Amino acid sequence: MRTIGQRLGVANLLEGSVRTSGKTFRVTVQLIKVSDGSHLWSQTYDRDMRDIFAVQDAIATAVAAALQATLATSPTGQRSVNTEAYKALLRGRYFAQMRTKETPNEPSPPTGGNQA
């Protein structure tokens, strides 16, 4: 896992497995710190197949909380910035907003750079 994380250039990896038996399933999820291979968080969910979407939501919420805790306790106290991801976020927000508005003159999408 450490090698994969290093190749991807990420600080943390999410690993998981799903097993089924009859009408039940088990999902095991682990958040792993790439630098040393330690487990930041892990959880096992045993549920009925009817609860599959509820489990998906629970996993997403738990992983987000674990990542927030990891970011909050970062040794430098600073978050890394991925400018390309931020630009993509701005473009996505722009187009989402444009879908909800009817404007006669559609401006060009933001580039994420400093513009006057």
C-alpha atoms as a PDB file:
ATOM      1  CA  MET A   1       0.000   0.000   0.000  1.00  0.00           C
ATOM      2  CA  ARG A   2       2.844   2.398   0.765  1.00  0.00           C
ATOM      3  CA  THR A   3       4.310   1.931  -2.710  1.00  0.00           C
ATOM      4  CA  ILE A   4       0.943   2.578  -4.343  1.00  0.00           C
ATOM      5  CA  GLY A   5       0.417   5.697  -2.244  1.00  0.00           C
ATOM      6  CA  GLN A   6       3.882   6.995  -3.046  1.00  0.00           C
ATOM      7  CA  ARG A   7       3.355   6.422  -6.771  1.00  0.00           C
ATOM      8  CA  LEU A   8       0.028   8.243  -6.605  1.00  0.00           C
ATOM      9  CA  GLY A   9       1.572  11.075  -4.591  1.00  0.00           C
ATOM     10  CA  VAL A  10      -1.029  10.950  -1.823  1.00  0.00           C
ATOM     11  CA  ALA A  11      -0.759  11.184   1.954  1.00  0.00           C
ATOM     12  CA  ASN A  12      -3.492   8.632   2.711  1.00  0.00           C
ATOM     13  CA  LEU A  13      -5.105   5.641   1.014  1.00  0.00           C
ATOM     14  CA  LEU A  14      -8.511   4.100   1.516  1.00  0.00           C
ATOM     15  CA  GLU A  15      -8.535   0.316   1.340  1.00  0.00           C
ATOM     16  CA  GLY A  16     -11.545  -1.910   1.642  1.00  0.00           C
ATOM     17  CA  SER A  17     -13.158  -5.239   0.986  1.00  0.00           C
ATOM     18  CA  VAL A  18     -16.698  -6.507   0.566  1.00  0.00           C
ATOM     19  CA  ARG A  19     -17.873 -10.022   1.354  1.00  0.00           C
ATOM     20  CA  THR A  20     -21.366 -11.404   0.998  1.00  0.00           C
ATOM     21  CA  SER A  21     -23.186 -14.328   2.519  1.00  0.00           C
ATOM     22  CA  GLY A  22     -26.804 -14.882   1.606  1.00  0.00           C
ATOM     23  CA  LYS A  23     -28.684 -11.642   2.172  1.00  0.00           C
ATOM     24  CA  THR A  24     -25.997 -10.028   4.297  1.00  0.00           C
ATOM     25  CA  PHE A  25     -22.711  -8.354   3.521  1.00  0.00           C
ATOM     26  CA  ARG A  26     -19.609  -7.204   5.371  1.00  0.00           C
ATOM     27  CA  VAL A  27     -17.613  -4.138   4.361  1.00  0.00           C
ATOM     28  CA  THR A  28     -14.227  -3.555   5.943  1.00  0.00           C
ATOM     29  CA  VAL A  29     -12.659  -0.149   5.348  1.00  0.00           C
ATOM     30  CA  GLN A  30      -9.251   1.169   6.412  1.00  0.00           C
ATOM     31  CA  LEU A  31      -7.673   4.612   6.044  1.00  0.00           C
ATOM     32  CA  ILE A  32      -3.908   4.164   5.816  1.00  0.00           C
ATOM     33  CA  LYS A  33      -1.165   6.769   6.235  1.00  0.00           C
ATOM     34  CA  VAL A  34       1.189   6.317   3.272  1.00  0.00           C
ATOM     35  CA  SER A  35       4.347   7.634   4.946  1.00  0.00           C
ATOM     36  CA  ASP A  36       4.532   4.889   7.573  1.00  0.00           C
ATOM     37  CA  GLY A  37       1.744   2.434   6.701  1.00  0.00           C
ATOM     38  CA  SER A  38      -0.105   3.048   9.966  1.00  0.00           C
ATOM     39  CA  HIS A  39      -3.887   2.777  10.187  1.00  0.00           C
ATOM     40  CA  LEU A  40      -5.537   6.120  10.857  1.00  0.00           C
ATOM     41  CA  TRP A  41      -9.007   4.618  10.994  1.00  0.00           C
ATOM     42  CA  SER A  42     -10.765   1.341  10.284  1.00  0.00           C
ATOM     43  CA  GLN A  43     -14.289   0.036  10.595  1.00  0.00           C
ATOM     44  CA  THR A  44     -16.253  -3.092   9.766  1.00  0.00           C
ATOM     45  CA  TYR A  45     -19.911  -2.910   8.753  1.00  0.00           C
ATOM     46  CA  ASP A  46     -22.134  -6.019   8.866  1.00  0.00           C
ATOM     47  CA  ARG A  47     -25.513  -5.313   7.295  1.00  0.00           C
ATOM     48  CA  ASP A  48     -28.489  -6.689   5.412  1.00  0.00           C
ATOM     49  CA  MET A  49     -28.435  -6.105   1.635  1.00  0.00           C
ATOM     50  CA  ARG A  50     -31.404  -3.752   2.015  1.00  0.00           C
ATOM     51  CA  ASP A  51     -29.096  -1.354   3.941  1.00  0.00           C
ATOM     52  CA  ILE A  52     -26.405  -1.080   1.278  1.00  0.00           C
ATOM     53  CA  PHE A  53     -26.957   2.635   0.546  1.00  0.00           C
ATOM     54  CA  ALA A  54     -27.131   3.500   4.240  1.00  0.00           C
ATOM     55  CA  VAL A  55     -23.771   1.777   4.720  1.00  0.00           C
ATOM     56  CA  GLN A  56     -22.325   3.704   1.784  1.00  0.00           C
ATOM     57  CA  ASP A  57     -23.398   6.966   3.433  1.00  0.00           C
ATOM     58  CA  ALA A  58     -22.046   5.871   6.819  1.00  0.00           C
ATOM     59  CA  ILE A  59     -18.668   4.963   5.317  1.00  0.00           C
ATOM     60  CA  ALA A  60     -18.396   8.261   3.441  1.00  0.00           C
ATOM     61  CA  THR A  61     -19.235  10.241   6.583  1.00  0.00           C
ATOM     62  CA  ALA A  62     -16.803   8.280   8.747  1.00  0.00           C
ATOM     63  CA  VAL A  63     -13.938   8.595   6.233  1.00  0.00           C
ATOM     64  CA  ALA A  64     -14.543  12.336   5.876  1.00  0.00           C
ATOM     65  CA  ALA A  65     -14.457  12.737   9.664  1.00  0.00           C
ATOM     66  CA  ALA A  66     -11.246  10.700   9.905  1.00  0.00           C
ATOM     67  CA  LEU A  67      -9.621  12.801   7.183  1.00  0.00           C
ATOM     68  CA  GLN A  68     -10.694  16.025   8.907  1.00  0.00           C
ATOM     69  CA  ALA A  69      -9.123  14.802  12.152  1.00  0.00           C
ATOM     70  CA  THR A  70      -5.933  13.928  10.266  1.00  0.00           C
ATOM     71  CA  LEU A  71      -5.780  17.352   8.609  1.00  0.00           C
ATOM     72  CA  ALA A  72      -6.493  19.120  11.894  1.00  0.00           C
ATOM     73  CA  THR A  73      -3.577  17.366  13.600  1.00  0.00           C
ATOM     74  CA  SER A  74      -1.089  17.796  10.765  1.00  0.00           C
ATOM     75  CA  PRO A  75       2.411  18.552  12.127  1.00  0.00           C
ATOM     76  CA  THR A  76       2.835  21.680  10.006  1.00  0.00           C
ATOM     77  CA  GLY A  77      -0.678  22.939  10.571  1.00  0.00           C
ATOM     78  CA  GLN A  78      -0.893  23.706   6.852  1.00  0.00           C
ATOM     79  CA  ARG A  79      -2.873  22.022   4.156  1.00  0.00           C
ATOM     80  CA  SER A  80      -1.337  21.287   0.807  1.00  0.00           C
ATOM     81  CA  VAL A  81      -2.919  23.094  -2.120  1.00  0.00           C
ATOM     82  CA  ASN A  82      -3.634  21.480  -5.454  1.00  0.00           C
ATOM     83  CA  THR A  83      -4.231  24.436  -7.756  1.00  0.00           C
ATOM     84  CA  GLU A  84      -5.537  22.286 -10.620  1.00  0.00           C
ATOM     85  CA  ALA A  85      -8.138  20.740  -8.332  1.00  0.00           C
ATOM     86  CA  TYR A  86      -9.136  24.195  -7.103  1.00  0.00           C
ATOM     87  CA  LYS A  87      -9.515  25.467 -10.674  1.00  0.00           C
ATOM     88  CA  ALA A  88     -11.674  22.441 -11.494  1.00  0.00           C
ATOM     89  CA  LEU A  89     -13.802  23.180  -8.423  1.00  0.00           C
ATOM     90  CA  LEU A  90     -14.286  26.782  -9.558  1.00  0.00           C
ATOM     91  CA  ARG A  91     -15.236  25.702 -13.067  1.00  0.00           C
ATOM     92  CA  GLY A  92     -17.689  23.145 -11.682  1.00  0.00           C
ATOM     93  CA  ARG A  93     -19.318  25.724  -9.429  1.00  0.00           C
ATOM     94  CA  TYR A  94     -19.550  28.143 -12.330  1.00  0.00           C
ATOM     95  CA  PHE A  95     -21.303  25.634 -14.593  1.00  0.00           C
ATOM     96  CA  ALA A  96     -23.584  24.460 -11.778  1.00  0.00           C
ATOM     97  CA  GLN A  97     -24.616  28.045 -11.157  1.00  0.00           C
ATOM     98  CA  MET A  98     -25.161  28.644 -14.858  1.00  0.00           C
ATOM     99  CA  ARG A  99     -27.578  25.691 -14.991  1.00  0.00           C
ATOM    100  CA  THR A 100     -29.780  27.413 -12.416  1.00  0.00           C
ATOM    101  CA  LYS A 101     -29.750  30.855 -14.061  1.00  0.00           C
ATOM    102  CA  GLU A 102     -30.974  32.069 -17.413  1.00  0.00           C
ATOM    103  CA  THR A 103     -28.643  34.779 -18.632  1.00  0.00           C
ATOM    104  CA  PRO A 104     -28.722  36.506 -22.020  1.00  0.00           C
ATOM    105  CA  ASN A 105     -24.928  36.884 -22.197  1.00  0.00           C
ATOM    106  CA  GLU A 106     -23.069  33.872 -20.913  1.00  0.00           C
ATOM    107  CA  PRO A 107     -19.620  34.905 -19.694  1.00  0.00           C
ATOM    108  CA  SER A 108     -16.657  32.642 -20.221  1.00  0.00           C
ATOM    109  CA  PRO A 109     -15.925  30.225 -17.351  1.00  0.00           C
ATOM    110  CA  PRO A 110     -13.416  31.289 -14.693  1.00  0.00           C
ATOM    111  CA  THR A 111      -9.865  30.065 -15.174  1.00  0.00           C
ATOM    112  CA  GLY A 112      -8.941  30.190 -11.492  1.00  0.00           C
ATOM    113  CA  GLY A 113      -6.261  32.811 -12.090  1.00  0.00           C
ATOM    114  CA  ASN A 114      -6.165  36.371 -10.805  1.00  0.00           C
ATOM    115  CA  GLN A 115      -8.249  38.550 -13.038  1.00  0.00           C
ATOM    116  CA  ALA A 116      -9.031  42.245 -12.620  1.00  0.00           C
END
